[in-house]
PDB file of all heavy atoms in Angstrom:
ATOM      1  N   GLU A   1     113.170 133.832 103.039  1.00  0.00           N
ATOM      2  CA  GLU A   1     114.562 133.303 103.041  1.00  0.00           C
ATOM      3  C   GLU A   1     114.477 131.809 102.986  1.00  0.00           C
ATOM      4  O   GLU A   1     115.452 131.176 102.444  1.00  0.00           O
ATOM      5  CB  GLU A   1     115.258 133.815 104.303  1.00  0.00           C
ATOM      6  CG  GLU A   1     114.712 133.310 105.696  1.00  0.00           C
ATOM      7  CD  GLU A   1     113.658 134.337 106.242  1.00  0.00           C
ATOM      8  OE1 GLU A   1     113.049 135.033 105.497  1.00  0.00           O
ATOM      9  OE2 GLU A   1     113.550 134.369 107.466  1.00  0.00           O
ATOM     10  N   THR A   2     113.419 131.196 103.511  1.00  0.00           N
ATOM     11  CA  THR A   2     113.280 129.702 103.387  1.00  0.00           C
ATOM     12  C   THR A   2     113.008 129.328 101.993  1.00  0.00           C
ATOM     13  O   THR A   2     113.519 128.306 101.444  1.00  0.00           O
ATOM     14  CB  THR A   2     112.257 129.203 104.347  1.00  0.00           C
ATOM     15  OG1 THR A   2     112.608 129.601 105.719  1.00  0.00           O
ATOM     16  CG2 THR A   2     112.133 127.701 104.214  1.00  0.00           C
ATOM     17  N   MET A   3     112.122 130.020 101.341  1.00  0.00           N
ATOM     18  CA  MET A   3     111.780 129.788  99.936  1.00  0.00           C
ATOM     19  C   MET A   3     113.078 129.953  99.055  1.00  0.00           C
ATOM     20  O   MET A   3     113.304 129.121  98.161  1.00  0.00           O
ATOM     21  CB  MET A   3     110.687 130.687  99.444  1.00  0.00           C
ATOM     22  CG  MET A   3     110.218 130.447  98.041  1.00  0.00           C
ATOM     23  SD  MET A   3     109.611 128.784  97.630  1.00  0.00           S
ATOM     24  CE  MET A   3     107.940 128.977  98.433  1.00  0.00           C
ATOM     25  N   ALA A   4     113.810 130.956  99.317  1.00  0.00           N
ATOM     26  CA  ALA A   4     115.074 131.196  98.539  1.00  0.00           C
ATOM     27  C   ALA A   4     116.007 129.997  98.728  1.00  0.00           C
ATOM     28  O   ALA A   4     116.705 129.463  97.742  1.00  0.00           O
ATOM     29  CB  ALA A   4     115.729 132.499  98.939  1.00  0.00           C
ATOM     30  N   LEU A   5     116.178 129.470  99.976  1.00  0.00           N
ATOM     31  CA  LEU A   5     117.034 128.361 100.300  1.00  0.00           C
ATOM     32  C   LEU A   5     116.527 127.125  99.556  1.00  0.00           C
ATOM     33  O   LEU A   5     117.256 126.317  99.002  1.00  0.00           O
ATOM     34  CB  LEU A   5     117.051 128.143 101.717  1.00  0.00           C
ATOM     35  CG  LEU A   5     118.224 127.431 102.354  1.00  0.00           C
ATOM     36  CD1 LEU A   5     119.537 128.173 101.967  1.00  0.00           C
ATOM     37  CD2 LEU A   5     118.125 127.306 103.910  1.00  0.00           C
ATOM     38  N   MET A   6     115.178 126.969  99.520  1.00  0.00           N
ATOM     39  CA  MET A   6     114.590 125.742  98.794  1.00  0.00           C
ATOM     40  C   MET A   6     114.899 125.780  97.320  1.00  0.00           C
ATOM     41  O   MET A   6     115.167 124.806  96.694  1.00  0.00           O
ATOM     42  CB  MET A   6     113.120 125.732  99.065  1.00  0.00           C
ATOM     43  CG  MET A   6     112.781 125.285 100.485  1.00  0.00           C
ATOM     44  SD  MET A   6     111.068 125.716 101.016  1.00  0.00           S
ATOM     45  CE  MET A   6     110.101 124.779  99.846  1.00  0.00           C
ATOM     46  N   ARG A   7     114.854 127.038  96.750  1.00  0.00           N
ATOM     47  CA  ARG A   7     115.230 127.204  95.324  1.00  0.00           C
ATOM     48  C   ARG A   7     116.702 126.743  95.094  1.00  0.00           C
ATOM     49  O   ARG A   7     117.042 126.073  94.111  1.00  0.00           O
ATOM     50  CB  ARG A   7     114.967 128.558  94.796  1.00  0.00           C
ATOM     51  CG  ARG A   7     113.532 128.965  94.824  1.00  0.00           C
ATOM     52  CD  ARG A   7     113.284 130.253  94.033  1.00  0.00           C
ATOM     53  NE  ARG A   7     111.874 130.638  94.109  1.00  0.00           N
ATOM     54  CZ  ARG A   7     111.382 131.574  94.861  1.00  0.00           C
ATOM     55  NH1 ARG A   7     112.205 132.228  95.633  1.00  0.00           N
ATOM     56  NH2 ARG A   7     110.098 131.885  94.811  1.00  0.00           N
ATOM     57  N   THR A   8     117.559 127.186  96.004  1.00  0.00           N
ATOM     58  CA  THR A   8     118.976 126.824  95.959  1.00  0.00           C
ATOM     59  C   THR A   8     119.132 125.236  96.005  1.00  0.00           C
ATOM     60  O   THR A   8     119.938 124.669  95.313  1.00  0.00           O
ATOM     61  CB  THR A   8     119.750 127.457  97.083  1.00  0.00           C
ATOM     62  OG1 THR A   8     119.634 128.842  96.985  1.00  0.00           O
ATOM     63  CG2 THR A   8     121.189 127.091  97.082  1.00  0.00           C
ATOM     64  N   MET A   9     118.401 124.639  96.872  1.00  0.00           N
ATOM     65  CA  MET A   9     118.475 123.177  96.969  1.00  0.00           C
ATOM     66  C   MET A   9     118.052 122.474  95.744  1.00  0.00           C
ATOM     67  O   MET A   9     118.614 121.454  95.305  1.00  0.00           O
ATOM     68  CB  MET A   9     117.667 122.743  98.226  1.00  0.00           C
ATOM     69  CG  MET A   9     118.135 123.197  99.549  1.00  0.00           C
ATOM     70  SD  MET A   9     116.993 122.973 100.959  1.00  0.00           S
ATOM     71  CE  MET A   9     117.063 121.190 101.073  1.00  0.00           C
ATOM     72  N   VAL A  10     116.992 122.991  95.095  1.00  0.00           N
ATOM     73  CA  VAL A  10     116.522 122.432  93.823  1.00  0.00           C
ATOM     74  C   VAL A  10     117.601 122.579  92.767  1.00  0.00           C
ATOM     75  O   VAL A  10     117.880 121.609  92.042  1.00  0.00           O
ATOM     76  CB  VAL A  10     115.229 123.083  93.424  1.00  0.00           C
ATOM     77  CG1 VAL A  10     114.863 122.653  91.992  1.00  0.00           C
ATOM     78  CG2 VAL A  10     114.031 122.779  94.363  1.00  0.00           C
ATOM     79  N   ASP A  11     118.152 123.745  92.735  1.00  0.00           N
ATOM     80  CA  ASP A  11     119.230 124.040  91.725  1.00  0.00           C
ATOM     81  C   ASP A  11     120.429 123.169  91.934  1.00  0.00           C
ATOM     82  O   ASP A  11     121.145 122.853  90.990  1.00  0.00           O
ATOM     83  CB  ASP A  11     119.631 125.539  91.735  1.00  0.00           C
ATOM     84  CG  ASP A  11     118.495 126.431  91.331  1.00  0.00           C
ATOM     85  OD1 ASP A  11     117.592 125.933  90.677  1.00  0.00           O
ATOM     86  OD2 ASP A  11     118.687 127.614  91.640  1.00  0.00           O
ATOM     87  N   SER A  12     120.663 122.687  93.168  1.00  0.00           N
ATOM     88  CA  SER A  12     121.840 121.885  93.469  1.00  0.00           C
ATOM     89  C   SER A  12     121.693 120.444  92.852  1.00  0.00           C
ATOM     90  O   SER A  12     122.668 119.677  92.707  1.00  0.00           O
ATOM     91  CB  SER A  12     122.058 121.734  94.917  1.00  0.00           C
ATOM     92  OG  SER A  12     121.072 120.829  95.512  1.00  0.00           O
ATOM     93  N   GLY A  13     120.469 120.027  92.491  1.00  0.00           N
ATOM     94  CA  GLY A  13     120.192 118.733  91.916  1.00  0.00           C
ATOM     95  C   GLY A  13     120.073 117.650  92.992  1.00  0.00           C
ATOM     96  O   GLY A  13     119.831 116.476  92.613  1.00  0.00           O
ATOM     97  N   GLU A  14     120.068 117.997  94.305  1.00  0.00           N
ATOM     98  CA  GLU A  14     119.974 116.908  95.287  1.00  0.00           C
ATOM     99  C   GLU A  14     118.660 116.291  95.400  1.00  0.00           C
ATOM    100  O   GLU A  14     118.469 115.187  95.942  1.00  0.00           O
ATOM    101  CB  GLU A  14     120.414 117.501  96.688  1.00  0.00           C
ATOM    102  CG  GLU A  14     121.925 117.614  96.833  1.00  0.00           C
ATOM    103  CD  GLU A  14     122.400 117.043  98.195  1.00  0.00           C
ATOM    104  OE1 GLU A  14     121.594 116.526  98.937  1.00  0.00           O
ATOM    105  OE2 GLU A  14     123.590 117.131  98.469  1.00  0.00           O
ATOM    106  N   LEU A  15     117.611 116.938  94.959  1.00  0.00           N
ATOM    107  CA  LEU A  15     116.240 116.347  95.014  1.00  0.00           C
ATOM    108  C   LEU A  15     116.125 115.115  94.194  1.00  0.00           C
ATOM    109  O   LEU A  15     115.383 114.204  94.443  1.00  0.00           O
ATOM    110  CB  LEU A  15     115.128 117.319  94.594  1.00  0.00           C
ATOM    111  CG  LEU A  15     114.523 118.130  95.710  1.00  0.00           C
ATOM    112  CD1 LEU A  15     115.527 119.134  96.334  1.00  0.00           C
ATOM    113  CD2 LEU A  15     113.284 118.886  95.277  1.00  0.00           C
ATOM    114  N   ALA A  16     117.063 114.940  93.200  1.00  0.00           N
ATOM    115  CA  ALA A  16     117.090 113.752  92.334  1.00  0.00           C
ATOM    116  C   ALA A  16     117.548 112.567  93.177  1.00  0.00           C
ATOM    117  O   ALA A  16     117.349 111.424  92.781  1.00  0.00           O
ATOM    118  CB  ALA A  16     118.012 113.975  91.173  1.00  0.00           C
ATOM    119  N   GLU A  17     118.166 112.815  94.395  1.00  0.00           N
ATOM    120  CA  GLU A  17     118.648 111.738  95.240  1.00  0.00           C
ATOM    121  C   GLU A  17     117.496 111.091  96.042  1.00  0.00           C
ATOM    122  O   GLU A  17     117.659 110.015  96.662  1.00  0.00           O
ATOM    123  CB  GLU A  17     119.677 112.235  96.154  1.00  0.00           C
ATOM    124  CG  GLU A  17     120.868 112.859  95.495  1.00  0.00           C
ATOM    125  CD  GLU A  17     121.717 111.922  94.748  1.00  0.00           C
ATOM    126  OE1 GLU A  17     121.757 110.669  95.112  1.00  0.00           O
ATOM    127  OE2 GLU A  17     122.385 112.277  93.680  1.00  0.00           O
ATOM    128  N   LEU A  18     116.346 111.694  96.143  1.00  0.00           N
ATOM    129  CA  LEU A  18     115.249 111.205  96.900  1.00  0.00           C
ATOM    130  C   LEU A  18     114.701 109.899  96.335  1.00  0.00           C
ATOM    131  O   LEU A  18     114.444 109.849  95.084  1.00  0.00           O
ATOM    132  CB  LEU A  18     114.142 112.233  97.002  1.00  0.00           C
ATOM    133  CG  LEU A  18     114.395 113.564  97.710  1.00  0.00           C
ATOM    134  CD1 LEU A  18     113.233 114.502  97.598  1.00  0.00           C
ATOM    135  CD2 LEU A  18     114.656 113.284  99.213  1.00  0.00           C
ATOM    136  N   VAL A  19     114.523 108.863  97.194  1.00  0.00           N
ATOM    137  CA  VAL A  19     113.969 107.602  96.634  1.00  0.00           C
ATOM    138  C   VAL A  19     112.511 107.727  96.528  1.00  0.00           C
ATOM    139  O   VAL A  19     111.762 108.526  97.210  1.00  0.00           O
ATOM    140  CB  VAL A  19     114.335 106.499  97.680  1.00  0.00           C
ATOM    141  CG1 VAL A  19     115.866 106.290  97.832  1.00  0.00           C
ATOM    142  CG2 VAL A  19     113.708 106.746  99.001  1.00  0.00           C
ATOM    143  N   PRO A  20     111.881 107.027  95.571  1.00  0.00           N
ATOM    144  CA  PRO A  20     110.505 107.102  95.245  1.00  0.00           C
ATOM    145  C   PRO A  20     109.607 106.961  96.431  1.00  0.00           C
ATOM    146  O   PRO A  20     108.564 107.649  96.564  1.00  0.00           O
ATOM    147  CB  PRO A  20     110.258 106.076  94.133  1.00  0.00           C
ATOM    148  CG  PRO A  20     111.607 105.846  93.614  1.00  0.00           C
ATOM    149  CD  PRO A  20     112.578 106.050  94.604  1.00  0.00           C
ATOM    150  N   GLU A  21     109.913 105.986  97.352  1.00  0.00           N
ATOM    151  CA  GLU A  21     109.066 105.768  98.502  1.00  0.00           C
ATOM    152  C   GLU A  21     108.895 106.960  99.349  1.00  0.00           C
ATOM    153  O   GLU A  21     107.831 107.214  99.922  1.00  0.00           O
ATOM    154  CB  GLU A  21     109.603 104.633  99.329  1.00  0.00           C
ATOM    155  CG  GLU A  21     109.568 103.244  98.582  1.00  0.00           C
ATOM    156  CD  GLU A  21     110.680 103.003  97.670  1.00  0.00           C
ATOM    157  OE1 GLU A  21     111.542 103.872  97.444  1.00  0.00           O
ATOM    158  OE2 GLU A  21     110.836 101.860  97.127  1.00  0.00           O
ATOM    159  N   ARG A  22     110.021 107.782  99.516  1.00  0.00           N
ATOM    160  CA  ARG A  22     109.914 108.959 100.408  1.00  0.00           C
ATOM    161  C   ARG A  22     109.076 110.103  99.753  1.00  0.00           C
ATOM    162  O   ARG A  22     108.286 110.799 100.345  1.00  0.00           O
ATOM    163  CB  ARG A  22     111.284 109.462 100.787  1.00  0.00           C
ATOM    164  CG  ARG A  22     112.145 108.500 101.641  1.00  0.00           C
ATOM    165  CD  ARG A  22     111.384 108.029 102.788  1.00  0.00           C
ATOM    166  NE  ARG A  22     110.999 109.087 103.761  1.00  0.00           N
ATOM    167  CZ  ARG A  22     111.733 109.554 104.748  1.00  0.00           C
ATOM    168  NH1 ARG A  22     112.891 108.882 105.007  1.00  0.00           N
ATOM    169  NH2 ARG A  22     111.383 110.538 105.544  1.00  0.00           N
ATOM    170  N   VAL A  23     109.237 110.213  98.426  1.00  0.00           N
ATOM    171  CA  VAL A  23     108.413 111.201  97.735  1.00  0.00           C
ATOM    172  C   VAL A  23     106.934 110.813  97.791  1.00  0.00           C
ATOM    173  O   VAL A  23     106.076 111.673  98.073  1.00  0.00           O
ATOM    174  CB  VAL A  23     108.868 111.231  96.170  1.00  0.00           C
ATOM    175  CG1 VAL A  23     107.964 112.171  95.423  1.00  0.00           C
ATOM    176  CG2 VAL A  23     110.342 111.745  96.086  1.00  0.00           C
ATOM    177  N   TRP A  24     106.677 109.535  97.597  1.00  0.00           N
ATOM    178  CA  TRP A  24     105.287 109.121  97.693  1.00  0.00           C
ATOM    179  C   TRP A  24     104.718 109.302  99.078  1.00  0.00           C
ATOM    180  O   TRP A  24     103.568 109.662  99.282  1.00  0.00           O
ATOM    181  CB  TRP A  24     105.157 107.641  97.265  1.00  0.00           C
ATOM    182  CG  TRP A  24     103.808 107.004  97.643  1.00  0.00           C
ATOM    183  CD1 TRP A  24     103.450 106.092  98.444  1.00  0.00           C
ATOM    184  CD2 TRP A  24     102.606 107.468  96.994  1.00  0.00           C
ATOM    185  NE1 TRP A  24     102.114 105.784  98.497  1.00  0.00           N
ATOM    186  CE2 TRP A  24     101.519 106.674  97.584  1.00  0.00           C
ATOM    187  CE3 TRP A  24     102.157 108.427  96.000  1.00  0.00           C
ATOM    188  CZ2 TRP A  24     100.182 106.799  97.227  1.00  0.00           C
ATOM    189  CZ3 TRP A  24     100.857 108.491  95.692  1.00  0.00           C
ATOM    190  CH2 TRP A  24      99.862 107.692  96.244  1.00  0.00           C
ATOM    191  N   GLN A  25     105.521 109.057 100.136  1.00  0.00           N
ATOM    192  CA  GLN A  25     105.068 109.162 101.467  1.00  0.00           C
ATOM    193  C   GLN A  25     104.679 110.620 101.807  1.00  0.00           C
ATOM    194  O   GLN A  25     103.605 110.890 102.348  1.00  0.00           O
ATOM    195  CB  GLN A  25     106.188 108.799 102.393  1.00  0.00           C
ATOM    196  CG  GLN A  25     105.804 108.811 103.932  1.00  0.00           C
ATOM    197  CD  GLN A  25     106.933 108.437 104.815  1.00  0.00           C
ATOM    198  OE1 GLN A  25     108.052 108.684 104.560  1.00  0.00           O
ATOM    199  NE2 GLN A  25     106.563 107.817 105.942  1.00  0.00           N
ATOM    200  N   GLU A  26     105.472 111.567 101.331  1.00  0.00           N
ATOM    201  CA  GLU A  26     105.189 113.040 101.483  1.00  0.00           C
ATOM    202  C   GLU A  26     103.949 113.381 100.652  1.00  0.00           C
ATOM    203  O   GLU A  26     103.054 114.174 101.157  1.00  0.00           O
ATOM    204  CB  GLU A  26     106.369 113.915 101.164  1.00  0.00           C
ATOM    205  CG  GLU A  26     107.576 113.614 102.076  1.00  0.00           C
ATOM    206  CD  GLU A  26     107.251 114.042 103.505  1.00  0.00           C
ATOM    207  OE1 GLU A  26     106.555 114.987 103.799  1.00  0.00           O
ATOM    208  OE2 GLU A  26     107.828 113.325 104.472  1.00  0.00           O
ATOM    209  N   LEU A  27     103.890 112.910  99.432  1.00  0.00           N
ATOM    210  CA  LEU A  27     102.739 113.308  98.566  1.00  0.00           C
ATOM    211  C   LEU A  27     101.463 112.728  99.182  1.00  0.00           C
ATOM    212  O   LEU A  27     100.407 113.398  99.174  1.00  0.00           O
ATOM    213  CB  LEU A  27     103.011 112.735  97.195  1.00  0.00           C
ATOM    214  CG  LEU A  27     101.849 112.785  96.171  1.00  0.00           C
ATOM    215  CD1 LEU A  27     101.501 114.255  95.941  1.00  0.00           C
ATOM    216  CD2 LEU A  27     102.150 112.110  94.842  1.00  0.00           C
ATOM    217  N   ARG A  28     101.503 111.505  99.580  1.00  0.00           N
ATOM    218  CA  ARG A  28     100.320 110.828 100.170  1.00  0.00           C
ATOM    219  C   ARG A  28      99.805 111.650 101.350  1.00  0.00           C
ATOM    220  O   ARG A  28      98.583 111.858 101.439  1.00  0.00           O
ATOM    221  CB  ARG A  28     100.608 109.401 100.555  1.00  0.00           C
ATOM    222  CG  ARG A  28      99.490 108.591 100.878  1.00  0.00           C
ATOM    223  CD  ARG A  28      99.941 107.120 101.057  1.00  0.00           C
ATOM    224  NE  ARG A  28      98.784 106.180 101.093  1.00  0.00           N
ATOM    225  CZ  ARG A  28      98.954 104.861 101.120  1.00  0.00           C
ATOM    226  NH1 ARG A  28     100.109 104.288 101.051  1.00  0.00           N
ATOM    227  NH2 ARG A  28      97.814 104.147 101.138  1.00  0.00           N
ATOM    228  N   ARG A  29     100.628 112.021 102.192  1.00  0.00           N
ATOM    229  CA  ARG A  29     100.209 112.751 103.440  1.00  0.00           C
ATOM    230  C   ARG A  29      99.698 114.173 103.047  1.00  0.00           C
ATOM    231  O   ARG A  29      98.775 114.629 103.681  1.00  0.00           O
ATOM    232  CB  ARG A  29     101.382 112.882 104.404  1.00  0.00           C
ATOM    233  CG  ARG A  29     101.850 111.528 104.946  1.00  0.00           C
ATOM    234  CD  ARG A  29     103.119 111.646 105.780  1.00  0.00           C
ATOM    235  NE  ARG A  29     102.847 112.302 107.100  1.00  0.00           N
ATOM    236  CZ  ARG A  29     103.775 112.467 107.958  1.00  0.00           C
ATOM    237  NH1 ARG A  29     105.034 112.089 107.760  1.00  0.00           N
ATOM    238  NH2 ARG A  29     103.499 113.021 109.131  1.00  0.00           N
ATOM    239  N   ALA A  30     100.267 114.743 101.997  1.00  0.00           N
ATOM    240  CA  ALA A  30      99.841 116.100 101.567  1.00  0.00           C
ATOM    241  C   ALA A  30      98.460 116.004 100.965  1.00  0.00           C
ATOM    242  O   ALA A  30      97.578 116.834 101.165  1.00  0.00           O
ATOM    243  CB  ALA A  30     100.834 116.648 100.564  1.00  0.00           C
ATOM    244  N   LEU A  31      98.195 114.906 100.220  1.00  0.00           N
ATOM    245  CA  LEU A  31      96.880 114.742  99.547  1.00  0.00           C
ATOM    246  C   LEU A  31      95.799 114.409 100.628  1.00  0.00           C
ATOM    247  O   LEU A  31      94.601 114.709 100.400  1.00  0.00           O
ATOM    248  CB  LEU A  31      96.937 113.604  98.542  1.00  0.00           C
ATOM    249  CG  LEU A  31      97.768 113.930  97.304  1.00  0.00           C
ATOM    250  CD1 LEU A  31      97.928 112.603  96.438  1.00  0.00           C
ATOM    251  CD2 LEU A  31      97.173 115.012  96.424  1.00  0.00           C
ATOM    252  N   ALA A  32      96.187 113.962 101.735  1.00  0.00           N
ATOM    253  CA  ALA A  32      95.211 113.683 102.845  1.00  0.00           C
ATOM    254  C   ALA A  32      95.025 114.842 103.786  1.00  0.00           C
ATOM    255  O   ALA A  32      94.226 114.811 104.636  1.00  0.00           O
ATOM    256  CB  ALA A  32      95.694 112.475 103.659  1.00  0.00           C
ATOM    257  N   SER A  33      95.746 115.989 103.426  1.00  0.00           N
ATOM    258  CA  SER A  33      95.639 117.211 104.266  1.00  0.00           C
ATOM    259  C   SER A  33      94.448 118.079 103.746  1.00  0.00           C
ATOM    260  O   SER A  33      93.812 117.808 102.742  1.00  0.00           O
ATOM    261  CB  SER A  33      96.924 117.990 104.191  1.00  0.00           C
ATOM    262  OG  SER A  33      97.982 117.234 104.660  1.00  0.00           O
ATOM    263  N   GLU A  34      94.227 119.176 104.496  1.00  0.00           N
ATOM    264  CA  GLU A  34      93.088 120.041 104.206  1.00  0.00           C
ATOM    265  C   GLU A  34      93.264 120.799 102.944  1.00  0.00           C
ATOM    266  O   GLU A  34      92.334 121.045 102.193  1.00  0.00           O
ATOM    267  CB  GLU A  34      92.831 120.971 105.366  1.00  0.00           C
ATOM    268  CG  GLU A  34      91.590 121.815 105.258  1.00  0.00           C
ATOM    269  CD  GLU A  34      91.389 122.737 106.397  1.00  0.00           C
ATOM    270  OE1 GLU A  34      92.069 122.480 107.475  1.00  0.00           O
ATOM    271  OE2 GLU A  34      90.479 123.521 106.394  1.00  0.00           O
ATOM    272  N   ARG A  35      94.550 121.200 102.587  1.00  0.00           N
ATOM    273  CA  ARG A  35      94.726 122.034 101.445  1.00  0.00           C
ATOM    274  C   ARG A  35      95.939 121.494 100.604  1.00  0.00           C
ATOM    275  O   ARG A  35      96.979 122.035 100.595  1.00  0.00           O
ATOM    276  CB  ARG A  35      94.999 123.448 101.858  1.00  0.00           C
ATOM    277  CG  ARG A  35      95.013 124.401 100.717  1.00  0.00           C
ATOM    278  CD  ARG A  35      95.203 125.855 101.157  1.00  0.00           C
ATOM    279  NE  ARG A  35      94.039 126.383 101.894  1.00  0.00           N
ATOM    280  CZ  ARG A  35      93.936 127.661 102.375  1.00  0.00           C
ATOM    281  NH1 ARG A  35      95.004 128.446 102.212  1.00  0.00           N
ATOM    282  NH2 ARG A  35      92.895 128.093 102.974  1.00  0.00           N
ATOM    283  N   PRO A  36      95.669 120.428  99.857  1.00  0.00           N
ATOM    284  CA  PRO A  36      96.731 119.919  98.956  1.00  0.00           C
ATOM    285  C   PRO A  36      97.268 120.926  97.970  1.00  0.00           C
ATOM    286  O   PRO A  36      98.420 120.776  97.543  1.00  0.00           O
ATOM    287  CB  PRO A  36      96.056 118.758  98.231  1.00  0.00           C
ATOM    288  CG  PRO A  36      94.898 118.383  99.077  1.00  0.00           C
ATOM    289  CD  PRO A  36      94.407 119.719  99.741  1.00  0.00           C
ATOM    290  N   SER A  37      96.456 121.903  97.598  1.00  0.00           N
ATOM    291  CA  SER A  37      96.902 122.946  96.607  1.00  0.00           C
ATOM    292  C   SER A  37      98.205 123.577  97.155  1.00  0.00           C
ATOM    293  O   SER A  37      99.037 124.058  96.350  1.00  0.00           O
ATOM    294  CB  SER A  37      95.840 123.881  96.363  1.00  0.00           C
ATOM    295  OG  SER A  37      95.537 124.656  97.492  1.00  0.00           O
ATOM    296  N   ALA A  38      98.263 123.824  98.400  1.00  0.00           N
ATOM    297  CA  ALA A  38      99.468 124.474  99.028  1.00  0.00           C
ATOM    298  C   ALA A  38     100.696 123.688  98.837  1.00  0.00           C
ATOM    299  O   ALA A  38     101.777 124.247  98.662  1.00  0.00           O
ATOM    300  CB  ALA A  38      99.201 124.818 100.463  1.00  0.00           C
ATOM    301  N   PHE A  39     100.563 122.345  98.847  1.00  0.00           N
ATOM    302  CA  PHE A  39     101.671 121.484  98.604  1.00  0.00           C
ATOM    303  C   PHE A  39     102.176 121.689  97.202  1.00  0.00           C
ATOM    304  O   PHE A  39     103.357 121.883  96.898  1.00  0.00           O
ATOM    305  CB  PHE A  39     101.261 120.067  98.832  1.00  0.00           C
ATOM    306  CG  PHE A  39     102.341 118.968  98.532  1.00  0.00           C
ATOM    307  CD1 PHE A  39     103.290 118.640  99.449  1.00  0.00           C
ATOM    308  CD2 PHE A  39     102.303 118.331  97.355  1.00  0.00           C
ATOM    309  CE1 PHE A  39     104.233 117.644  99.114  1.00  0.00           C
ATOM    310  CE2 PHE A  39     103.247 117.349  97.037  1.00  0.00           C
ATOM    311  CZ  PHE A  39     104.193 117.021  97.970  1.00  0.00           C
ATOM    312  N   LEU A  40     101.242 121.682  96.240  1.00  0.00           N
ATOM    313  CA  LEU A  40     101.593 121.802  94.802  1.00  0.00           C
ATOM    314  C   LEU A  40     102.209 123.201  94.527  1.00  0.00           C
ATOM    315  O   LEU A  40     103.189 123.277  93.865  1.00  0.00           O
ATOM    316  CB  LEU A  40     100.374 121.529  93.906  1.00  0.00           C
ATOM    317  CG  LEU A  40      99.762 120.121  94.071  1.00  0.00           C
ATOM    318  CD1 LEU A  40      98.475 120.092  93.192  1.00  0.00           C
ATOM    319  CD2 LEU A  40     100.720 119.071  93.561  1.00  0.00           C
ATOM    320  N   ARG A  41     101.589 124.169  95.028  1.00  0.00           N
ATOM    321  CA  ARG A  41     101.956 125.547  94.789  1.00  0.00           C
ATOM    322  C   ARG A  41     103.310 125.868  95.411  1.00  0.00           C
ATOM    323  O   ARG A  41     104.170 126.474  94.639  1.00  0.00           O
ATOM    324  CB  ARG A  41     100.909 126.606  95.374  1.00  0.00           C
ATOM    325  CG  ARG A  41     101.277 128.014  95.198  1.00  0.00           C
ATOM    326  CD  ARG A  41     101.436 128.479  93.780  1.00  0.00           C
ATOM    327  NE  ARG A  41     100.194 128.241  93.010  1.00  0.00           N
ATOM    328  CZ  ARG A  41     100.120 128.692  91.686  1.00  0.00           C
ATOM    329  NH1 ARG A  41     101.181 129.334  91.148  1.00  0.00           N
ATOM    330  NH2 ARG A  41      99.014 128.490  91.093  1.00  0.00           N
TER     331      ARG A  41
END
């Protein structure tokens, strides 16, 4: 149900509102984690 909600959020177009710095912050922390593939997948 969470994945379904996330798809709805993507479809709404609101992710385009994210500022680059916040996207980079989350990406950077994911790449420093044990399994970055799970972030991408």
